[in-house]
Amino acid sequence: MLQRFEAILLFYKPFAVWSFAVNILNVIFGPNLATAIFSKLILTLFLYYFINETNGQQKLIFYKNLGISNLRLFASLFIIDVIITIIFIFIMQEFI
């Protein structure tokens, strides 16, 4: 179980910078939690589409060999991203 979670975090690592940039934009344009979560959903769906339409599908074979389906991988990615976003927005609301 821990090995799968570490693999999901490994998949999330290259996208963390983009996620953080979206978090900053959400805070600049108004730290609304619903808007932030919706933007994360749209970004996760875009990432899923992008990987399925490019040669990124070959990267998903590693996760399939670990027993992680595409749905589980991207759902976990979304949940991790939303948790980080909620924490970030609550921290920023304290300082703004």
N, C-alpha and C. Protein backbone atom coordinates (compact mmCIF):
# COMPACT_ATOMS: atom_id res chain seq x y z
N MET A 1 0.82 -1.19 0.00
CA MET A 1 0.00 0.00 0.00
C MET A 1 0.87 1.26 0.00
N LEU A 2 1.90 1.27 0.84
CA LEU A 2 2.79 2.42 0.91
C LEU A 2 3.56 2.59 -0.39
N GLN A 3 3.91 1.47 -1.01
CA GLN A 3 4.64 1.53 -2.28
C GLN A 3 3.77 2.18 -3.36
N ARG A 4 2.49 1.90 -3.37
CA ARG A 4 1.59 2.51 -4.35
C ARG A 4 1.43 4.00 -4.09
N PHE A 5 1.33 4.38 -2.81
CA PHE A 5 1.21 5.79 -2.48
C PHE A 5 2.46 6.55 -2.88
N GLU A 6 3.62 5.96 -2.65
CA GLU A 6 4.87 6.59 -3.06
C GLU A 6 4.94 6.72 -4.59
N ALA A 7 4.42 5.74 -5.30
CA ALA A 7 4.40 5.80 -6.75
C ALA A 7 3.48 6.92 -7.23
N ILE A 8 2.35 7.09 -6.56
CA ILE A 8 1.43 8.17 -6.93
C ILE A 8 2.08 9.52 -6.67
N LEU A 9 2.79 9.65 -5.55
CA LEU A 9 3.50 10.90 -5.26
C LEU A 9 4.61 11.14 -6.28
N LEU A 10 5.24 10.08 -6.74
CA LEU A 10 6.25 10.20 -7.78
C LEU A 10 5.64 10.72 -9.07
N PHE A 11 4.42 10.27 -9.39
CA PHE A 11 3.72 10.75 -10.57
C PHE A 11 3.32 12.21 -10.41
N TYR A 12 2.97 12.61 -9.18
CA TYR A 12 2.52 13.98 -8.91
C TYR A 12 3.66 14.99 -8.91
N LYS A 13 4.86 14.55 -8.63
CA LYS A 13 6.00 15.44 -8.43
C LYS A 13 6.23 16.42 -9.59
N PRO A 14 6.24 16.00 -10.86
CA PRO A 14 6.48 16.98 -11.94
C PRO A 14 5.34 17.99 -12.10
N PHE A 15 4.16 17.65 -11.64
CA PHE A 15 3.01 18.53 -11.81
C PHE A 15 2.79 19.44 -10.60
N ALA A 16 3.58 19.25 -9.57
CA ALA A 16 3.41 20.02 -8.34
C ALA A 16 3.72 21.50 -8.56
N VAL A 17 4.68 21.81 -9.40
CA VAL A 17 5.02 23.21 -9.66
C VAL A 17 3.85 23.91 -10.35
N TRP A 18 3.24 23.24 -11.32
CA TRP A 18 2.10 23.84 -12.02
C TRP A 18 0.91 23.98 -11.07
N SER A 19 0.74 23.02 -10.22
CA SER A 19 -0.34 23.08 -9.25
C SER A 19 -0.15 24.25 -8.29
N PHE A 20 1.09 24.45 -7.85
CA PHE A 20 1.38 25.56 -6.96
C PHE A 20 1.16 26.90 -7.66
N ALA A 21 1.50 26.98 -8.95
CA ALA A 21 1.26 28.21 -9.71
C ALA A 21 -0.24 28.51 -9.80
N VAL A 22 -1.04 27.49 -9.99
CA VAL A 22 -2.50 27.67 -10.02
C VAL A 22 -3.00 28.08 -8.64
N ASN A 23 -2.42 27.53 -7.59
CA ASN A 23 -2.79 27.95 -6.23
C ASN A 23 -2.53 29.44 -6.02
N ILE A 24 -1.39 29.90 -6.47
CA ILE A 24 -1.05 31.31 -6.32
C ILE A 24 -2.03 32.18 -7.12
N LEU A 25 -2.36 31.77 -8.34
CA LEU A 25 -3.33 32.53 -9.14
C LEU A 25 -4.70 32.54 -8.47
N ASN A 26 -5.09 31.44 -7.87
CA ASN A 26 -6.37 31.41 -7.17
C ASN A 26 -6.38 32.37 -5.98
N VAL A 27 -5.27 32.47 -5.29
CA VAL A 27 -5.20 33.38 -4.15
C VAL A 27 -5.19 34.84 -4.63
N ILE A 28 -4.49 35.11 -5.73
CA ILE A 28 -4.44 36.48 -6.26
C ILE A 28 -5.82 36.95 -6.70
N PHE A 29 -6.55 36.09 -7.40
CA PHE A 29 -7.85 36.48 -7.94
C PHE A 29 -9.00 36.25 -6.97
N GLY A 30 -8.71 35.90 -5.76
CA GLY A 30 -9.74 35.70 -4.75
C GLY A 30 -9.69 34.29 -4.22
N PRO A 31 -9.34 34.15 -2.95
CA PRO A 31 -9.17 32.79 -2.40
C PRO A 31 -10.51 32.12 -2.10
N ASN A 32 -11.21 31.75 -3.14
CA ASN A 32 -12.48 31.05 -3.01
C ASN A 32 -12.22 29.55 -3.11
N LEU A 33 -12.64 28.80 -2.13
CA LEU A 33 -12.35 27.37 -2.07
C LEU A 33 -13.03 26.60 -3.20
N ALA A 34 -14.27 26.94 -3.49
CA ALA A 34 -15.00 26.23 -4.55
C ALA A 34 -14.35 26.45 -5.91
N THR A 35 -13.93 27.66 -6.19
CA THR A 35 -13.27 27.95 -7.46
C THR A 35 -11.93 27.21 -7.57
N ALA A 36 -11.21 27.16 -6.47
CA ALA A 36 -9.92 26.47 -6.47
C ALA A 36 -10.09 24.97 -6.72
N ILE A 37 -11.06 24.37 -6.07
CA ILE A 37 -11.29 22.94 -6.27
C ILE A 37 -11.77 22.66 -7.69
N PHE A 38 -12.63 23.53 -8.21
CA PHE A 38 -13.09 23.36 -9.59
C PHE A 38 -11.93 23.48 -10.57
N SER A 39 -11.04 24.44 -10.34
CA SER A 39 -9.88 24.59 -11.23
C SER A 39 -8.98 23.36 -11.16
N LYS A 40 -8.84 22.78 -9.98
CA LYS A 40 -8.03 21.56 -9.85
C LYS A 40 -8.68 20.38 -10.58
N LEU A 41 -9.99 20.31 -10.55
CA LEU A 41 -10.69 19.27 -11.29
C LEU A 41 -10.47 19.43 -12.79
N ILE A 42 -10.59 20.65 -13.27
CA ILE A 42 -10.37 20.90 -14.70
C ILE A 42 -8.93 20.57 -15.08
N LEU A 43 -7.98 20.95 -14.26
CA LEU A 43 -6.58 20.64 -14.55
C LEU A 43 -6.30 19.14 -14.54
N THR A 44 -6.91 18.42 -13.62
CA THR A 44 -6.72 16.98 -13.57
C THR A 44 -7.32 16.32 -14.81
N LEU A 45 -8.48 16.76 -15.23
CA LEU A 45 -9.10 16.22 -16.45
C LEU A 45 -8.26 16.55 -17.68
N PHE A 46 -7.71 17.77 -17.72
CA PHE A 46 -6.84 18.14 -18.83
C PHE A 46 -5.58 17.27 -18.86
N LEU A 47 -5.01 17.03 -17.69
CA LEU A 47 -3.83 16.18 -17.61
C LEU A 47 -4.13 14.77 -18.08
N TYR A 48 -5.28 14.24 -17.67
CA TYR A 48 -5.69 12.90 -18.11
C TYR A 48 -5.82 12.86 -19.64
N TYR A 49 -6.46 13.87 -20.20
CA TYR A 49 -6.63 13.94 -21.65
C TYR A 49 -5.27 14.07 -22.34
N PHE A 50 -4.42 14.94 -21.81
CA PHE A 50 -3.10 15.17 -22.40
C PHE A 50 -2.26 13.91 -22.40
N ILE A 51 -2.26 13.18 -21.32
CA ILE A 51 -1.44 11.96 -21.23
C ILE A 51 -2.00 10.87 -22.14
N ASN A 52 -3.31 10.79 -22.24
CA ASN A 52 -3.90 9.75 -23.11
C ASN A 52 -3.72 10.06 -24.58
N GLU A 53 -3.58 11.32 -24.94
CA GLU A 53 -3.46 11.68 -26.36
C GLU A 53 -2.01 11.79 -26.83
N THR A 54 -1.06 11.78 -25.91
CA THR A 54 0.35 11.87 -26.31
C THR A 54 1.05 10.56 -25.97
N ASN A 55 2.36 10.58 -26.05
CA ASN A 55 3.12 9.38 -25.74
C ASN A 55 3.27 9.18 -24.23
N GLY A 56 2.58 9.95 -23.44
CA GLY A 56 2.62 9.80 -21.99
C GLY A 56 1.96 8.53 -21.51
N GLN A 57 1.22 7.88 -22.38
CA GLN A 57 0.56 6.62 -22.01
C GLN A 57 1.58 5.55 -21.65
N GLN A 58 2.76 5.65 -22.22
CA GLN A 58 3.80 4.67 -21.90
C GLN A 58 4.25 4.80 -20.45
N LYS A 59 4.15 6.01 -19.89
CA LYS A 59 4.51 6.21 -18.49
C LYS A 59 3.50 5.53 -17.56
N LEU A 60 2.28 5.38 -18.03
CA LEU A 60 1.24 4.78 -17.20
C LEU A 60 1.40 3.27 -17.06
N ILE A 61 2.19 2.65 -17.91
CA ILE A 61 2.40 1.21 -17.83
C ILE A 61 3.05 0.83 -16.50
N PHE A 62 3.96 1.67 -16.01
CA PHE A 62 4.61 1.44 -14.71
C PHE A 62 3.57 1.35 -13.60
N TYR A 63 2.60 2.25 -13.63
CA TYR A 63 1.57 2.29 -12.58
C TYR A 63 0.58 1.13 -12.73
N LYS A 64 0.32 0.73 -13.97
CA LYS A 64 -0.54 -0.43 -14.19
C LYS A 64 0.13 -1.71 -13.67
N ASN A 65 1.45 -1.79 -13.81
CA ASN A 65 2.17 -2.95 -13.29
C ASN A 65 2.15 -3.00 -11.77
N LEU A 66 2.02 -1.85 -11.14
CA LEU A 66 1.89 -1.81 -9.68
C LEU A 66 0.46 -2.08 -9.21
N GLY A 67 -0.46 -2.19 -10.15
CA GLY A 67 -1.85 -2.45 -9.80
C GLY A 67 -2.67 -1.20 -9.59
N ILE A 68 -2.20 -0.08 -10.13
CA ILE A 68 -2.92 1.18 -10.01
C ILE A 68 -3.57 1.49 -11.35
N SER A 69 -4.89 1.54 -11.37
CA SER A 69 -5.59 1.85 -12.61
C SER A 69 -5.48 3.34 -12.92
N ASN A 70 -5.80 3.71 -14.15
CA ASN A 70 -5.76 5.12 -14.53
C ASN A 70 -6.72 5.94 -13.69
N LEU A 71 -7.91 5.42 -13.46
CA LEU A 71 -8.90 6.14 -12.67
C LEU A 71 -8.41 6.36 -11.25
N ARG A 72 -7.85 5.32 -10.66
CA ARG A 72 -7.35 5.44 -9.29
C ARG A 72 -6.16 6.40 -9.22
N LEU A 73 -5.30 6.36 -10.22
CA LEU A 73 -4.14 7.24 -10.25
C LEU A 73 -4.56 8.70 -10.31
N PHE A 74 -5.45 9.02 -11.24
CA PHE A 74 -5.84 10.41 -11.39
C PHE A 74 -6.79 10.87 -10.28
N ALA A 75 -7.58 9.97 -9.74
CA ALA A 75 -8.42 10.34 -8.59
C ALA A 75 -7.54 10.62 -7.37
N SER A 76 -6.52 9.81 -7.18
CA SER A 76 -5.59 10.05 -6.07
C SER A 76 -4.83 11.35 -6.28
N LEU A 77 -4.44 11.59 -7.50
CA LEU A 77 -3.76 12.84 -7.83
C LEU A 77 -4.65 14.04 -7.52
N PHE A 78 -5.91 13.95 -7.87
CA PHE A 78 -6.87 15.03 -7.60
C PHE A 78 -7.05 15.23 -6.10
N ILE A 79 -7.19 14.15 -5.36
CA ILE A 79 -7.41 14.26 -3.90
C ILE A 79 -6.18 14.87 -3.22
N ILE A 80 -5.00 14.43 -3.59
CA ILE A 80 -3.77 14.99 -3.02
C ILE A 80 -3.68 16.48 -3.34
N ASP A 81 -3.99 16.81 -4.58
CA ASP A 81 -3.92 18.20 -5.01
C ASP A 81 -4.94 19.07 -4.27
N VAL A 82 -6.12 18.56 -4.07
CA VAL A 82 -7.16 19.32 -3.36
C VAL A 82 -6.77 19.52 -1.89
N ILE A 83 -6.21 18.52 -1.28
CA ILE A 83 -5.78 18.65 0.13
C ILE A 83 -4.70 19.72 0.25
N ILE A 84 -3.74 19.70 -0.65
CA ILE A 84 -2.69 20.72 -0.63
C ILE A 84 -3.28 22.10 -0.90
N THR A 85 -4.22 22.19 -1.81
CA THR A 85 -4.86 23.46 -2.13
C THR A 85 -5.64 24.01 -0.95
N ILE A 86 -6.40 23.17 -0.28
CA ILE A 86 -7.18 23.61 0.88
C ILE A 86 -6.25 24.13 1.98
N ILE A 87 -5.20 23.42 2.25
CA ILE A 87 -4.24 23.87 3.27
C ILE A 87 -3.62 25.20 2.86
N PHE A 88 -3.23 25.31 1.60
CA PHE A 88 -2.61 26.54 1.11
C PHE A 88 -3.58 27.72 1.20
N ILE A 89 -4.82 27.52 0.81
CA ILE A 89 -5.80 28.62 0.84
C ILE A 89 -6.09 29.04 2.27
N PHE A 90 -6.24 28.09 3.18
CA PHE A 90 -6.49 28.45 4.58
C PHE A 90 -5.31 29.21 5.18
N ILE A 91 -4.11 28.83 4.84
CA ILE A 91 -2.93 29.56 5.33
C ILE A 91 -2.89 30.96 4.74
N MET A 92 -3.16 31.10 3.47
CA MET A 92 -3.14 32.41 2.83
C MET A 92 -4.26 33.32 3.34
N GLN A 93 -5.41 32.75 3.66
CA GLN A 93 -6.51 33.56 4.18
C GLN A 93 -6.17 34.15 5.55
N GLU A 94 -5.32 33.47 6.28
CA GLU A 94 -4.90 33.99 7.58
C GLU A 94 -3.99 35.21 7.43
N PHE A 95 -3.25 35.30 6.33
CA PHE A 95 -2.32 36.39 6.13
C PHE A 95 -2.87 37.52 5.26
N ILE A 96 -3.95 37.26 4.55
CA ILE A 96 -4.52 38.28 3.66
C ILE A 96 -5.66 38.97 4.36
